[in-house]
Amino acid sequence: MVSLLLLLPGVAVSVRRLHDLDRSGWWLLLTLTGIGIILLLIWDCMRGTPGPNRFGPDPLAGVGYVSPPVSA
């Protein structure tokens, strides 16, 4: 019962982490394969894309990271 309650937040956190890497949440389907789990673990250890990406602003922008200026 507890695992069912934790499934949805776990998927949400995983998709958010993939968005930090500028990847779609559909990549989470790789967990259905054995090799895909290893790839996702490697991606989880990587730093996200610096600055904003197509999924929104950099969540670390206010924590010691200075984004490059955006030209108008």
PDB file of N, CA and C in Angstrom:
ATOM      1  N   MET A   1       0.823  -1.197   0.000  1.00  0.00           N
ATOM      2  CA  MET A   1       0.000   0.000   0.000  1.00  0.00           C
ATOM      3  C   MET A   1       0.863   1.256   0.000  1.00  0.00           C
ATOM      4  N   VAL A   2       1.917   1.235   0.801  1.00  0.00           N
ATOM      5  CA  VAL A   2       2.793   2.402   0.888  1.00  0.00           C
ATOM      6  C   VAL A   2       3.509   2.619  -0.435  1.00  0.00           C
ATOM      7  N   SER A   3       3.910   1.534  -1.092  1.00  0.00           N
ATOM      8  CA  SER A   3       4.609   1.682  -2.369  1.00  0.00           C
ATOM      9  C   SER A   3       3.712   2.327  -3.427  1.00  0.00           C
ATOM     10  N   LEU A   4       2.437   2.061  -3.385  1.00  0.00           N
ATOM     11  CA  LEU A   4       1.517   2.702  -4.326  1.00  0.00           C
ATOM     12  C   LEU A   4       1.394   4.199  -4.037  1.00  0.00           C
ATOM     13  N   LEU A   5       1.433   4.561  -2.754  1.00  0.00           N
ATOM     14  CA  LEU A   5       1.353   5.974  -2.389  1.00  0.00           C
ATOM     15  C   LEU A   5       2.618   6.734  -2.775  1.00  0.00           C
ATOM     16  N   LEU A   6       3.744   6.055  -2.798  1.00  0.00           N
ATOM     17  CA  LEU A   6       5.015   6.696  -3.140  1.00  0.00           C
ATOM     18  C   LEU A   6       5.331   6.655  -4.634  1.00  0.00           C
ATOM     19  N   LEU A   7       4.567   5.911  -5.391  1.00  0.00           N
ATOM     20  CA  LEU A   7       4.837   5.768  -6.821  1.00  0.00           C
ATOM     21  C   LEU A   7       4.672   7.090  -7.571  1.00  0.00           C
ATOM     22  N   LEU A   8       3.575   7.767  -7.379  1.00  0.00           N
ATOM     23  CA  LEU A   8       3.322   9.016  -8.113  1.00  0.00           C
ATOM     24  C   LEU A   8       4.330  10.112  -7.772  1.00  0.00           C
ATOM     25  N   PRO A   9       4.643  10.366  -6.496  1.00  0.00           N
ATOM     26  CA  PRO A   9       5.681  11.369  -6.222  1.00  0.00           C
ATOM     27  C   PRO A   9       7.048  10.969  -6.765  1.00  0.00           C
ATOM     28  N   GLY A  10       7.352   9.674  -6.754  1.00  0.00           N
ATOM     29  CA  GLY A  10       8.625   9.210  -7.301  1.00  0.00           C
ATOM     30  C   GLY A  10       8.728   9.461  -8.790  1.00  0.00           C
ATOM     31  N   VAL A  11       7.637   9.220  -9.506  1.00  0.00           N
ATOM     32  CA  VAL A  11       7.619   9.489 -10.950  1.00  0.00           C
ATOM     33  C   VAL A  11       7.735  10.989 -11.205  1.00  0.00           C
ATOM     34  N   ALA A  12       7.060  11.795 -10.395  1.00  0.00           N
ATOM     35  CA  ALA A  12       7.118  13.248 -10.568  1.00  0.00           C
ATOM     36  C   ALA A  12       8.536  13.777 -10.361  1.00  0.00           C
ATOM     37  N   VAL A  13       9.224  13.275  -9.346  1.00  0.00           N
ATOM     38  CA  VAL A  13      10.602  13.715  -9.093  1.00  0.00           C
ATOM     39  C   VAL A  13      11.520  13.272 -10.222  1.00  0.00           C
ATOM     40  N   SER A  14      11.332  12.072 -10.722  1.00  0.00           N
ATOM     41  CA  SER A  14      12.164  11.569 -11.815  1.00  0.00           C
ATOM     42  C   SER A  14      11.956  12.381 -13.089  1.00  0.00           C
ATOM     43  N   VAL A  15      10.712  12.718 -13.386  1.00  0.00           N
ATOM     44  CA  VAL A  15      10.437  13.531 -14.583  1.00  0.00           C
ATOM     45  C   VAL A  15      11.022  14.927 -14.412  1.00  0.00           C
ATOM     46  N   ARG A  16      10.923  15.486 -13.226  1.00  0.00           N
ATOM     47  CA  ARG A  16      11.504  16.813 -12.995  1.00  0.00           C
ATOM     48  C   ARG A  16      13.017  16.781 -13.170  1.00  0.00           C
ATOM     49  N   ARG A  17      13.651  15.719 -12.711  1.00  0.00           N
ATOM     50  CA  ARG A  17      15.105  15.586 -12.875  1.00  0.00           C
ATOM     51  C   ARG A  17      15.468  15.469 -14.353  1.00  0.00           C
ATOM     52  N   LEU A  18      14.678  14.737 -15.115  1.00  0.00           N
ATOM     53  CA  LEU A  18      14.927  14.651 -16.558  1.00  0.00           C
ATOM     54  C   LEU A  18      14.746  16.016 -17.215  1.00  0.00           C
ATOM     55  N   HIS A  19      13.787  16.796 -16.755  1.00  0.00           N
ATOM     56  CA  HIS A  19      13.600  18.141 -17.301  1.00  0.00           C
ATOM     57  C   HIS A  19      14.800  19.026 -16.973  1.00  0.00           C
ATOM     58  N   ASP A  20      15.424  18.832 -15.811  1.00  0.00           N
ATOM     59  CA  ASP A  20      16.638  19.577 -15.482  1.00  0.00           C
ATOM     60  C   ASP A  20      17.755  19.279 -16.472  1.00  0.00           C
ATOM     61  N   LEU A  21      17.735  18.080 -17.026  1.00  0.00           N
ATOM     62  CA  LEU A  21      18.739  17.679 -18.009  1.00  0.00           C
ATOM     63  C   LEU A  21      18.306  18.001 -19.437  1.00  0.00           C
ATOM     64  N   ASP A  22      17.200  18.708 -19.595  1.00  0.00           N
ATOM     65  CA  ASP A  22      16.625  19.071 -20.895  1.00  0.00           C
ATOM     66  C   ASP A  22      16.225  17.830 -21.701  1.00  0.00           C
ATOM     67  N   ARG A  23      15.681  16.852 -20.997  1.00  0.00           N
ATOM     68  CA  ARG A  23      15.167  15.640 -21.643  1.00  0.00           C
ATOM     69  C   ARG A  23      13.684  15.504 -21.293  1.00  0.00           C
ATOM     70  N   SER A  24      12.960  14.881 -22.171  1.00  0.00           N
ATOM     71  CA  SER A  24      11.531  14.676 -21.972  1.00  0.00           C
ATOM     72  C   SER A  24      11.287  13.632 -20.884  1.00  0.00           C
ATOM     73  N   GLY A  25      10.154  13.728 -20.234  1.00  0.00           N
ATOM     74  CA  GLY A  25       9.785  12.746 -19.221  1.00  0.00           C
ATOM     75  C   GLY A  25       9.534  11.360 -19.785  1.00  0.00           C
ATOM     76  N   TRP A  26       9.340  11.280 -21.078  1.00  0.00           N
ATOM     77  CA  TRP A  26       9.124   9.983 -21.712  1.00  0.00           C
ATOM     78  C   TRP A  26      10.354   9.086 -21.600  1.00  0.00           C
ATOM     79  N   TRP A  27      11.533   9.672 -21.357  1.00  0.00           N
ATOM     80  CA  TRP A  27      12.736   8.866 -21.167  1.00  0.00           C
ATOM     81  C   TRP A  27      12.605   7.971 -19.941  1.00  0.00           C
ATOM     82  N   LEU A  28      11.691   8.280 -19.046  1.00  0.00           N
ATOM     83  CA  LEU A  28      11.499   7.469 -17.855  1.00  0.00           C
ATOM     84  C   LEU A  28      11.032   6.050 -18.203  1.00  0.00           C
ATOM     85  N   LEU A  29      10.468   5.889 -19.377  1.00  0.00           N
ATOM     86  CA  LEU A  29      10.042   4.548 -19.801  1.00  0.00           C
ATOM     87  C   LEU A  29      11.225   3.604 -19.991  1.00  0.00           C
ATOM     88  N   LEU A  30      12.444   4.148 -20.016  1.00  0.00           N
ATOM     89  CA  LEU A  30      13.626   3.285 -20.114  1.00  0.00           C
ATOM     90  C   LEU A  30      13.780   2.392 -18.894  1.00  0.00           C
ATOM     91  N   THR A  31      13.107   2.732 -17.800  1.00  0.00           N
ATOM     92  CA  THR A  31      13.207   1.883 -16.610  1.00  0.00           C
ATOM     93  C   THR A  31      12.578   0.510 -16.844  1.00  0.00           C
ATOM     94  N   LEU A  32      11.818   0.377 -17.906  1.00  0.00           N
ATOM     95  CA  LEU A  32      11.214  -0.922 -18.224  1.00  0.00           C
ATOM     96  C   LEU A  32      12.241  -1.899 -18.777  1.00  0.00           C
ATOM     97  N   THR A  33      13.430  -1.393 -19.122  1.00  0.00           N
ATOM     98  CA  THR A  33      14.518  -2.251 -19.597  1.00  0.00           C
ATOM     99  C   THR A  33      15.617  -2.252 -18.546  1.00  0.00           C
ATOM    100  N   GLY A  34      16.419  -3.267 -18.520  1.00  0.00           N
ATOM    101  CA  GLY A  34      17.511  -3.336 -17.556  1.00  0.00           C
ATOM    102  C   GLY A  34      18.589  -2.306 -17.826  1.00  0.00           C
ATOM    103  N   ILE A  35      18.938  -2.125 -19.080  1.00  0.00           N
ATOM    104  CA  ILE A  35      19.991  -1.175 -19.451  1.00  0.00           C
ATOM    105  C   ILE A  35      19.514   0.256 -19.227  1.00  0.00           C
ATOM    106  N   GLY A  36      18.249   0.504 -19.412  1.00  0.00           N
ATOM    107  CA  GLY A  36      17.704   1.841 -19.228  1.00  0.00           C
ATOM    108  C   GLY A  36      17.833   2.340 -17.802  1.00  0.00           C
ATOM    109  N   ILE A  37      17.736   1.441 -16.836  1.00  0.00           N
ATOM    110  CA  ILE A  37      17.889   1.834 -15.441  1.00  0.00           C
ATOM    111  C   ILE A  37      19.295   2.360 -15.193  1.00  0.00           C
ATOM    112  N   ILE A  38      20.287   1.708 -15.769  1.00  0.00           N
ATOM    113  CA  ILE A  38      21.676   2.149 -15.612  1.00  0.00           C
ATOM    114  C   ILE A  38      21.866   3.519 -16.243  1.00  0.00           C
ATOM    115  N   LEU A  39      21.311   3.714 -17.433  1.00  0.00           N
ATOM    116  CA  LEU A  39      21.430   5.002 -18.114  1.00  0.00           C
ATOM    117  C   LEU A  39      20.780   6.125 -17.300  1.00  0.00           C
ATOM    118  N   LEU A  40      19.608   5.861 -16.746  1.00  0.00           N
ATOM    119  CA  LEU A  40      18.932   6.880 -15.939  1.00  0.00           C
ATOM    120  C   LEU A  40      19.701   7.180 -14.655  1.00  0.00           C
ATOM    121  N   LEU A  41      20.341   6.188 -14.068  1.00  0.00           N
ATOM    122  CA  LEU A  41      21.160   6.432 -12.884  1.00  0.00           C
ATOM    123  C   LEU A  41      22.357   7.317 -13.220  1.00  0.00           C
ATOM    124  N   ILE A  42      22.949   7.099 -14.381  1.00  0.00           N
ATOM    125  CA  ILE A  42      24.069   7.950 -14.815  1.00  0.00           C
ATOM    126  C   ILE A  42      23.575   9.369 -15.034  1.00  0.00           C
ATOM    127  N   TRP A  43      22.429   9.532 -15.689  1.00  0.00           N
ATOM    128  CA  TRP A  43      21.878  10.863 -15.930  1.00  0.00           C
ATOM    129  C   TRP A  43      21.537  11.558 -14.614  1.00  0.00           C
ATOM    130  N   ASP A  44      21.064  10.793 -13.627  1.00  0.00           N
ATOM    131  CA  ASP A  44      20.726  11.390 -12.329  1.00  0.00           C
ATOM    132  C   ASP A  44      21.948  11.960 -11.627  1.00  0.00           C
ATOM    133  N   CYS A  45      23.113  11.425 -11.922  1.00  0.00           N
ATOM    134  CA  CYS A  45      24.348  11.911 -11.292  1.00  0.00           C
ATOM    135  C   CYS A  45      24.955  13.101 -12.023  1.00  0.00           C
ATOM    136  N   MET A  46      24.448  13.417 -13.197  1.00  0.00           N
ATOM    137  CA  MET A  46      24.993  14.524 -13.980  1.00  0.00           C
ATOM    138  C   MET A  46      24.384  15.852 -13.531  1.00  0.00           C
ATOM    139  N   ARG A  47      25.131  16.924 -13.772  1.00  0.00           N
ATOM    140  CA  ARG A  47      24.618  18.266 -13.492  1.00  0.00           C
ATOM    141  C   ARG A  47      23.612  18.641 -14.582  1.00  0.00           C
ATOM    142  N   GLY A  48      22.594  19.369 -14.216  1.00  0.00           N
ATOM    143  CA  GLY A  48      21.582  19.810 -15.184  1.00  0.00           C
ATOM    144  C   GLY A  48      22.152  20.823 -16.164  1.00  0.00           C
ATOM    145  N   THR A  49      21.383  21.149 -17.170  1.00  0.00           N
ATOM    146  CA  THR A  49      21.829  22.129 -18.150  1.00  0.00           C
ATOM    147  C   THR A  49      21.944  23.498 -17.493  1.00  0.00           C
ATOM    148  N   PRO A  50      23.026  24.215 -17.750  1.00  0.00           N
ATOM    149  CA  PRO A  50      23.173  25.546 -17.146  1.00  0.00           C
ATOM    150  C   PRO A  50      22.217  26.539 -17.798  1.00  0.00           C
ATOM    151  N   GLY A  51      21.607  27.363 -16.975  1.00  0.00           N
ATOM    152  CA  GLY A  51      20.675  28.360 -17.492  1.00  0.00           C
ATOM    153  C   GLY A  51      19.329  27.737 -17.825  1.00  0.00           C
ATOM    154  N   PRO A  52      18.425  28.547 -18.357  1.00  0.00           N
ATOM    155  CA  PRO A  52      17.091  28.023 -18.680  1.00  0.00           C
ATOM    156  C   PRO A  52      17.131  27.078 -19.872  1.00  0.00           C
ATOM    157  N   ASN A  53      16.180  26.158 -19.901  1.00  0.00           N
ATOM    158  CA  ASN A  53      16.020  25.272 -21.048  1.00  0.00           C
ATOM    159  C   ASN A  53      14.549  25.286 -21.459  1.00  0.00           C
ATOM    160  N   ARG A  54      14.157  24.395 -22.339  1.00  0.00           N
ATOM    161  CA  ARG A  54      12.786  24.422 -22.872  1.00  0.00           C
ATOM    162  C   ARG A  54      11.724  24.064 -21.828  1.00  0.00           C
ATOM    163  N   PHE A  55      12.160  23.566 -20.670  1.00  0.00           N
ATOM    164  CA  PHE A  55      11.215  23.205 -19.621  1.00  0.00           C
ATOM    165  C   PHE A  55      11.121  24.249 -18.522  1.00  0.00           C
ATOM    166  N   GLY A  56      11.887  25.331 -18.629  1.00  0.00           N
ATOM    167  CA  GLY A  56      11.789  26.393 -17.636  1.00  0.00           C
ATOM    168  C   GLY A  56      13.150  26.895 -17.193  1.00  0.00           C
ATOM    169  N   PRO A  57      13.140  27.763 -16.185  1.00  0.00           N
ATOM    170  CA  PRO A  57      14.397  28.354 -15.709  1.00  0.00           C
ATOM    171  C   PRO A  57      15.229  27.340 -14.927  1.00  0.00           C
ATOM    172  N   ASP A  58      16.493  27.670 -14.774  1.00  0.00           N
ATOM    173  CA  ASP A  58      17.414  26.830 -14.014  1.00  0.00           C
ATOM    174  C   ASP A  58      17.064  26.921 -12.533  1.00  0.00           C
ATOM    175  N   PRO A  59      16.775  25.792 -11.863  1.00  0.00           N
ATOM    176  CA  PRO A  59      16.422  25.861 -10.446  1.00  0.00           C
ATOM    177  C   PRO A  59      17.593  26.281  -9.567  1.00  0.00           C
ATOM    178  N   LEU A  60      18.815  26.182 -10.067  1.00  0.00           N
ATOM    179  CA  LEU A  60      19.981  26.587  -9.293  1.00  0.00           C
ATOM    180  C   LEU A  60      20.438  27.991  -9.635  1.00  0.00           C
ATOM    181  N   ALA A  61      19.653  28.732 -10.392  1.00  0.00           N
ATOM    182  CA  ALA A  61      20.063  30.058 -10.847  1.00  0.00           C
ATOM    183  C   ALA A  61      20.310  31.000  -9.680  1.00  0.00           C
ATOM    184  N   GLY A  62      19.590  30.880  -8.605  1.00  0.00           N
ATOM    185  CA  GLY A  62      19.776  31.769  -7.472  1.00  0.00           C
ATOM    186  C   GLY A  62      20.746  31.242  -6.434  1.00  0.00           C
ATOM    187  N   VAL A  63      21.380  30.094  -6.711  1.00  0.00           N
ATOM    188  CA  VAL A  63      22.266  29.471  -5.733  1.00  0.00           C
ATOM    189  C   VAL A  63      23.693  29.439  -6.269  1.00  0.00           C
ATOM    190  N   GLY A  64      24.325  30.583  -6.330  1.00  0.00           N
ATOM    191  CA  GLY A  64      25.717  30.642  -6.714  1.00  0.00           C
ATOM    192  C   GLY A  64      26.005  30.484  -8.189  1.00  0.00           C
ATOM    193  N   TYR A  65      25.006  30.428  -9.017  1.00  0.00           N
ATOM    194  CA  TYR A  65      25.207  30.313 -10.455  1.00  0.00           C
ATOM    195  C   TYR A  65      24.710  31.589 -11.117  1.00  0.00           C
ATOM    196  N   VAL A  66      25.543  32.156 -11.954  1.00  0.00           N
ATOM    197  CA  VAL A  66      25.165  33.366 -12.657  1.00  0.00           C
ATOM    198  C   VAL A  66      24.872  32.992 -14.106  1.00  0.00           C
ATOM    199  N   SER A  67      23.635  33.196 -14.535  1.00  0.00           N
ATOM    200  CA  SER A  67      23.264  32.892 -15.912  1.00  0.00           C
ATOM    201  C   SER A  67      23.893  33.904 -16.860  1.00  0.00           C
ATOM    202  N   PRO A  68      24.233  33.457 -18.063  1.00  0.00           N
ATOM    203  CA  PRO A  68      24.736  34.414 -19.036  1.00  0.00           C
ATOM    204  C   PRO A  68      23.640  35.402 -19.414  1.00  0.00           C
ATOM    205  N   PRO A  69      23.999  36.653 -19.711  1.00  0.00           N
ATOM    206  CA  PRO A  69      22.976  37.639 -20.058  1.00  0.00           C
ATOM    207  C   PRO A  69      22.247  37.261 -21.347  1.00  0.00           C
ATOM    208  N   VAL A  70      20.968  37.536 -21.369  1.00  0.00           N
ATOM    209  CA  VAL A  70      20.140  37.244 -22.539  1.00  0.00           C
ATOM    210  C   VAL A  70      20.047  38.515 -23.372  1.00  0.00           C
ATOM    211  N   SER A  71      20.441  38.402 -24.632  1.00  0.00           N
ATOM    212  CA  SER A  71      20.362  39.588 -25.497  1.00  0.00           C
ATOM    213  C   SER A  71      18.956  39.730 -26.055  1.00  0.00           C
ATOM    214  N   ALA A  72      18.512  40.960 -26.169  1.00  0.00           N
ATOM    215  CA  ALA A  72      17.144  41.217 -26.619  1.00  0.00           C
ATOM    216  C   ALA A  72      17.027  41.202 -28.113  1.00  0.00           C
TER     217      ALA A  72
END
